[in-house]
C-alpha atoms as a PDB file:
ATOM      1  CA  UNK A   1       0.000   0.000   0.000  1.00  0.00           C
ATOM      2  CA  UNK A   2       1.521   3.288  -1.012  1.00  0.00           C
ATOM      3  CA  UNK A   3       1.379   6.474   1.014  1.00  0.00           C
ATOM      4  CA  UNK A   4      -0.222   8.539  -1.768  1.00  0.00           C
ATOM      5  CA  UNK A   5      -3.139   6.085  -1.922  1.00  0.00           C
ATOM      6  CA  UNK A   6      -3.814   6.817   1.750  1.00  0.00           C
ATOM      7  CA  UNK A   7      -3.078  10.555   1.568  1.00  0.00           C
ATOM      8  CA  UNK A   8      -6.512  12.015   2.337  1.00  0.00           C
ATOM      9  CA  UNK A   9      -7.368   9.196   4.725  1.00  0.00           C
ATOM     10  CA  UNK A  10      -4.136   9.705   6.681  1.00  0.00           C
ATOM     11  CA  UNK A  11      -4.860  13.426   6.992  1.00  0.00           C
ATOM     12  CA  UNK A  12      -8.425  12.754   8.171  1.00  0.00           C
ATOM     13  CA  UNK A  13      -7.234  10.213  10.775  1.00  0.00           C
ATOM     14  CA  UNK A  14      -4.624  12.676  12.048  1.00  0.00           C
ATOM     15  CA  UNK A  15      -7.140  15.532  12.244  1.00  0.00           C
ATOM     16  CA  UNK A  16      -9.780  13.291  13.819  1.00  0.00           C
ATOM     17  CA  UNK A  17      -7.358  12.317  16.594  1.00  0.00           C
ATOM     18  CA  UNK A  18      -6.118  15.891  17.055  1.00  0.00           C
ATOM     19  CA  UNK A  19      -9.629  17.400  17.151  1.00  0.00           C
ATOM     20  CA  UNK A  20     -11.248  14.541  19.078  1.00  0.00           C
ATOM     21  CA  UNK A  21     -13.600  13.923  16.152  1.00  0.00           C
ATOM     22  CA  UNK A  22     -14.449  10.207  15.921  1.00  0.00           C
ATOM     23  CA  UNK A  23     -16.853  10.766  13.012  1.00  0.00           C
ATOM     24  CA  UNK A  24     -13.973  12.012  10.869  1.00  0.00           C
ATOM     25  CA  UNK A  25     -12.099   8.723  11.416  1.00  0.00           C
ATOM     26  CA  UNK A  26     -15.188   6.491  11.293  1.00  0.00           C
ATOM     27  CA  UNK A  27     -15.891   7.666   7.753  1.00  0.00           C
ATOM     28  CA  UNK A  28     -13.108   5.244   6.759  1.00  0.00           C
ATOM     29  CA  UNK A  29     -14.135   2.288   8.935  1.00  0.00           C
ATOM     30  CA  UNK A  30     -14.865  -1.057   7.293  1.00  0.00           C
ATOM     31  CA  UNK A  31     -18.280  -2.621   8.008  1.00  0.00           C
ATOM     32  CA  UNK A  32     -16.728  -4.389  11.019  1.00  0.00           C
ATOM     33  CA  UNK A  33     -13.684  -3.150  12.925  1.00  0.00           C
ATOM     34  CA  UNK A  34     -11.437  -4.724  15.538  1.00  0.00           C
ATOM     35  CA  UNK A  35     -11.101  -2.127  18.305  1.00  0.00           C
ATOM     36  CA  UNK A  36      -8.656  -2.371  21.213  1.00  0.00           C
ATOM     37  CA  UNK A  37      -8.649   0.234  23.972  1.00  0.00           C
ATOM     38  CA  UNK A  38      -5.894  -0.478  26.453  1.00  0.00           C
ATOM     39  CA  UNK A  39      -6.535  -4.177  27.274  1.00  0.00           C
ATOM     40  CA  UNK A  40     -10.153  -4.398  26.098  1.00  0.00           C
ATOM     41  CA  UNK A  41     -10.654  -5.792  22.584  1.00  0.00           C
ATOM     42  CA  UNK A  42     -13.851  -6.185  20.602  1.00  0.00           C
ATOM     43  CA  UNK A  43     -15.050  -6.706  17.064  1.00  0.00           C
ATOM     44  CA  UNK A  44     -17.729  -4.115  16.378  1.00  0.00           C
ATOM     45  CA  UNK A  45     -19.951  -2.819  13.617  1.00  0.00           C
ATOM     46  CA  UNK A  46     -18.920   0.446  11.997  1.00  0.00           C
ATOM     47  CA  UNK A  47     -21.413   2.390  14.144  1.00  0.00           C
ATOM     48  CA  UNK A  48     -20.403   0.685  17.407  1.00  0.00           C
ATOM     49  CA  UNK A  49     -16.722   1.244  16.611  1.00  0.00           C
ATOM     50  CA  UNK A  50     -17.397   4.939  16.133  1.00  0.00           C
ATOM     51  CA  UNK A  51     -19.180   5.122  19.495  1.00  0.00           C
ATOM     52  CA  UNK A  52     -16.287   3.352  21.307  1.00  0.00           C
ATOM     53  CA  UNK A  53     -13.755   5.703  19.698  1.00  0.00           C
ATOM     54  CA  UNK A  54     -15.955   8.717  20.418  1.00  0.00           C
ATOM     55  CA  UNK A  55     -16.054   7.836  24.118  1.00  0.00           C
ATOM     56  CA  UNK A  56     -12.260   7.461  24.231  1.00  0.00           C
ATOM     57  CA  UNK A  57     -11.731  10.814  22.489  1.00  0.00           C
ATOM     58  CA  UNK A  58     -14.213  12.463  24.838  1.00  0.00           C
ATOM     59  CA  UNK A  59     -12.337  11.091  27.862  1.00  0.00           C
ATOM     60  CA  UNK A  60      -8.833  11.835  26.563  1.00  0.00           C
ATOM     61  CA  UNK A  61      -8.146  15.098  24.727  1.00  0.00           C
ATOM     62  CA  UNK A  62      -5.026  15.296  22.606  1.00  0.00           C
ATOM     63  CA  UNK A  63      -2.545  18.055  23.270  1.00  0.00           C
ATOM     64  CA  UNK A  64      -0.429  16.723  20.422  1.00  0.00           C
ATOM     65  CA  UNK A  65      -0.611  13.974  17.797  1.00  0.00           C
ATOM     66  CA  UNK A  66       2.442  12.704  15.927  1.00  0.00           C
ATOM     67  CA  UNK A  67       2.571  10.206  13.096  1.00  0.00           C
ATOM     68  CA  UNK A  68       5.309   7.669  13.749  1.00  0.00           C
ATOM     69  CA  UNK A  69       7.303   6.878  10.586  1.00  0.00           C
ATOM     70  CA  UNK A  70       6.740   3.376   9.232  1.00  0.00           C
ATOM     71  CA  UNK A  71       9.494   1.579   7.364  1.00  0.00           C
ATOM     72  CA  UNK A  72       9.239  -1.796   5.703  1.00  0.00           C
ATOM     73  CA  UNK A  73      11.567  -3.685   3.395  1.00  0.00           C
ATOM     74  CA  UNK A  74       8.898  -4.204   0.742  1.00  0.00           C
ATOM     75  CA  UNK A  75       7.782  -0.579   0.764  1.00  0.00           C
ATOM     76  CA  UNK A  76       4.175  -1.698   1.241  1.00  0.00           C
ATOM     77  CA  UNK A  77       2.476  -0.448   4.368  1.00  0.00           C
ATOM     78  CA  UNK A  78      -0.981  -1.492   5.447  1.00  0.00           C
ATOM     79  CA  UNK A  79      -0.886   0.334   8.761  1.00  0.00           C
ATOM     80  CA  UNK A  80      -0.034   3.651  10.400  1.00  0.00           C
ATOM     81  CA  UNK A  81       1.049   4.426  13.937  1.00  0.00           C
ATOM     82  CA  UNK A  82       0.463   7.646  15.849  1.00  0.00           C
ATOM     83  CA  UNK A  83       1.485   9.024  19.234  1.00  0.00           C
ATOM     84  CA  UNK A  84      -1.587  10.432  20.939  1.00  0.00           C
ATOM     85  CA  UNK A  85      -0.336  12.763  23.672  1.00  0.00           C
ATOM     86  CA  UNK A  86      -2.628  14.090  26.395  1.00  0.00           C
ATOM     87  CA  UNK A  87      -1.831  16.285  29.395  1.00  0.00           C
ATOM     88  CA  UNK A  88      -1.518  13.197  31.606  1.00  0.00           C
ATOM     89  CA  UNK A  89      -0.354  10.321  29.398  1.00  0.00           C
ATOM     90  CA  UNK A  90       0.733   9.176  25.960  1.00  0.00           C
ATOM     91  CA  UNK A  91      -0.988   6.480  23.917  1.00  0.00           C
ATOM     92  CA  UNK A  92       0.145   4.609  20.841  1.00  0.00           C
ATOM     93  CA  UNK A  93      -2.557   4.454  18.189  1.00  0.00           C
ATOM     94  CA  UNK A  94      -2.187   1.691  15.620  1.00  0.00           C
ATOM     95  CA  UNK A  95      -4.435   1.784  12.542  1.00  0.00           C
ATOM     96  CA  UNK A  96      -4.489  -1.187  10.140  1.00  0.00           C
ATOM     97  CA  UNK A  97      -6.052  -0.895   6.711  1.00  0.00           C
ATOM     98  CA  UNK A  98      -8.016  -3.554   4.875  1.00  0.00           C
ATOM     99  CA  UNK A  99      -9.224  -3.763   1.303  1.00  0.00           C
ATOM    100  CA  UNK A 100     -12.935  -4.241   0.713  1.00  0.00           C
ATOM    101  CA  UNK A 101     -13.638  -4.511  -2.983  1.00  0.00           C
ATOM    102  CA  UNK A 102     -11.853  -1.563  -4.551  1.00  0.00           C
ATOM    103  CA  UNK A 103     -11.796   0.503  -1.329  1.00  0.00           C
ATOM    104  CA  UNK A 104      -9.132   0.806   1.339  1.00  0.00           C
ATOM    105  CA  UNK A 105     -10.758   1.068   4.769  1.00  0.00           C
ATOM    106  CA  UNK A 106      -9.791   0.858   8.432  1.00  0.00           C
ATOM    107  CA  UNK A 107     -10.097  -2.741   9.628  1.00  0.00           C
ATOM    108  CA  UNK A 108      -8.450  -2.351  13.035  1.00  0.00           C
ATOM    109  CA  UNK A 109      -7.674   0.397  15.502  1.00  0.00           C
ATOM    110  CA  UNK A 110      -5.655  -0.200  18.667  1.00  0.00           C
ATOM    111  CA  UNK A 111      -5.030   2.371  21.361  1.00  0.00           C
ATOM    112  CA  UNK A 112      -2.498   1.279  23.955  1.00  0.00           C
END
């Protein structure tokens, strides 16, 4: 997966995290998404995944969000990693992409 293919999606994920806007990120969710928040994992519908993420972003407000560079030998990347920094703690946000038909969507989001 090439970076330019994900360009707009990457920007929307970054802004969604920075602004605390789950709807912005959920626009790219697959029909079902694996969501992990700390040690709690579930497989949810697109709507349920948005609600879980919305609650997290309501509880934790970002003071800064940084995209962590991803390097692979093949040059193909089907995930992105972000540092989600709040006033009290830092989380690692892992977003994995999946292909559904001709679309690239978010199939997993982990916040640890």
